Protein backbone atom coordinates (compact mmCIF):
# COMPACT_ATOMS: atom_id res chain seq x y z
CA MET A 1 -41.20 -70.09 9.74
CA LYS A 2 -43.10 -72.25 12.36
CA ILE A 3 -45.98 -72.72 10.05
CA ILE A 4 -43.83 -74.05 7.14
CA VAL A 5 -41.69 -76.32 9.10
CA ARG A 6 -45.06 -77.64 10.82
CA VAL A 7 -46.68 -78.28 7.69
CA ASN A 8 -43.56 -80.21 6.24
CA TYR A 9 -43.35 -82.40 9.32
CA SER A 10 -46.92 -82.98 9.87
CA SER A 11 -47.86 -83.47 6.19
CA PRO A 12 -44.75 -84.65 4.41
CA PRO A 13 -44.35 -84.49 0.67
CA LYS A 14 -45.98 -87.12 -1.24
CA HIS A 15 -42.87 -87.57 -3.35
CA GLY A 16 -41.51 -90.73 -1.58
CA ALA A 17 -44.72 -92.37 -2.18
CA ARG A 18 -44.97 -91.55 -5.97
CA ILE A 19 -41.51 -92.60 -6.38
CA ALA A 20 -42.23 -96.01 -4.57
CA GLY A 21 -45.20 -96.67 -6.52
CA MET A 22 -43.55 -95.93 -9.81
CA ILE A 23 -40.72 -98.34 -9.01
CA LEU A 24 -43.03 -100.98 -7.51
CA ASN A 25 -45.50 -100.77 -10.75
CA ASN A 26 -42.59 -101.01 -13.36
CA GLU A 27 -41.29 -104.69 -13.61
CA ALA A 28 -37.87 -103.82 -14.56
CA MET A 29 -37.54 -101.16 -11.81
CA ARG A 30 -38.93 -103.56 -9.32
CA LYS A 31 -36.66 -106.41 -10.36
CA GLU A 32 -33.64 -103.92 -9.87
CA TRP A 33 -34.91 -102.84 -6.53
CA LEU A 34 -35.58 -106.36 -5.02
CA THR A 35 -31.68 -107.11 -6.41
CA GLN A 36 -30.45 -104.01 -4.75
CA LEU A 37 -32.48 -104.94 -1.66
CA ILE A 38 -30.89 -108.49 -1.52
CA ASP A 39 -27.38 -107.08 -1.71
CA VAL A 40 -27.95 -104.49 0.94
CA THR A 41 -29.49 -107.27 3.31
CA LYS A 42 -26.42 -109.53 2.29
CA ARG A 43 -24.02 -106.64 3.45
CA MET A 44 -25.72 -105.91 6.68
CA ASN A 45 -25.81 -109.75 7.63
CA ASP A 46 -21.99 -109.98 6.75
CA MET A 47 -21.37 -106.90 8.91
CA ARG A 48 -23.13 -108.56 11.70
CA ASN A 49 -21.29 -111.63 11.53
CA ALA A 50 -17.88 -109.73 11.34
CA LEU A 51 -18.63 -107.77 14.37
CA GLN A 52 -19.75 -110.74 16.24
CA SER A 53 -16.69 -112.55 15.20
CA GLU A 54 -14.54 -109.66 16.39
CA LEU A 55 -16.15 -109.41 19.74
CA LYS A 56 -15.71 -113.04 20.42
CA ARG A 57 -12.00 -112.74 19.03
CA ILE A 58 -11.12 -110.08 21.22
CA ALA A 59 -12.96 -111.78 24.35
CA VAL A 60 -15.48 -109.10 25.12
CA PRO A 61 -17.61 -110.77 27.94
CA GLY A 62 -21.25 -111.31 26.82
CA ASP A 63 -23.27 -113.32 24.72
CA TRP A 64 -23.12 -111.80 21.33
CA SER A 65 -25.59 -114.28 19.60
CA HIS A 66 -28.33 -111.61 19.49
CA ILE A 67 -26.46 -109.85 16.88
CA THR A 68 -26.91 -112.38 14.25
CA LYS A 69 -30.29 -113.47 15.08
């Protein structure tokens, strides 16, 4: 069992690289991926802004500007 686990962690399967290569080399898939990446990034930034605003609203001591930088 140790050998099987070690092989999987030391030399992970190449499936992820194959999938990424397939997506990045296909114009339609790449465009969809970029759109989804923009959506995820926007959501993360919105969540950071909401967290910072809430911390300020409830007057938690500290400078929370690092959350949105």
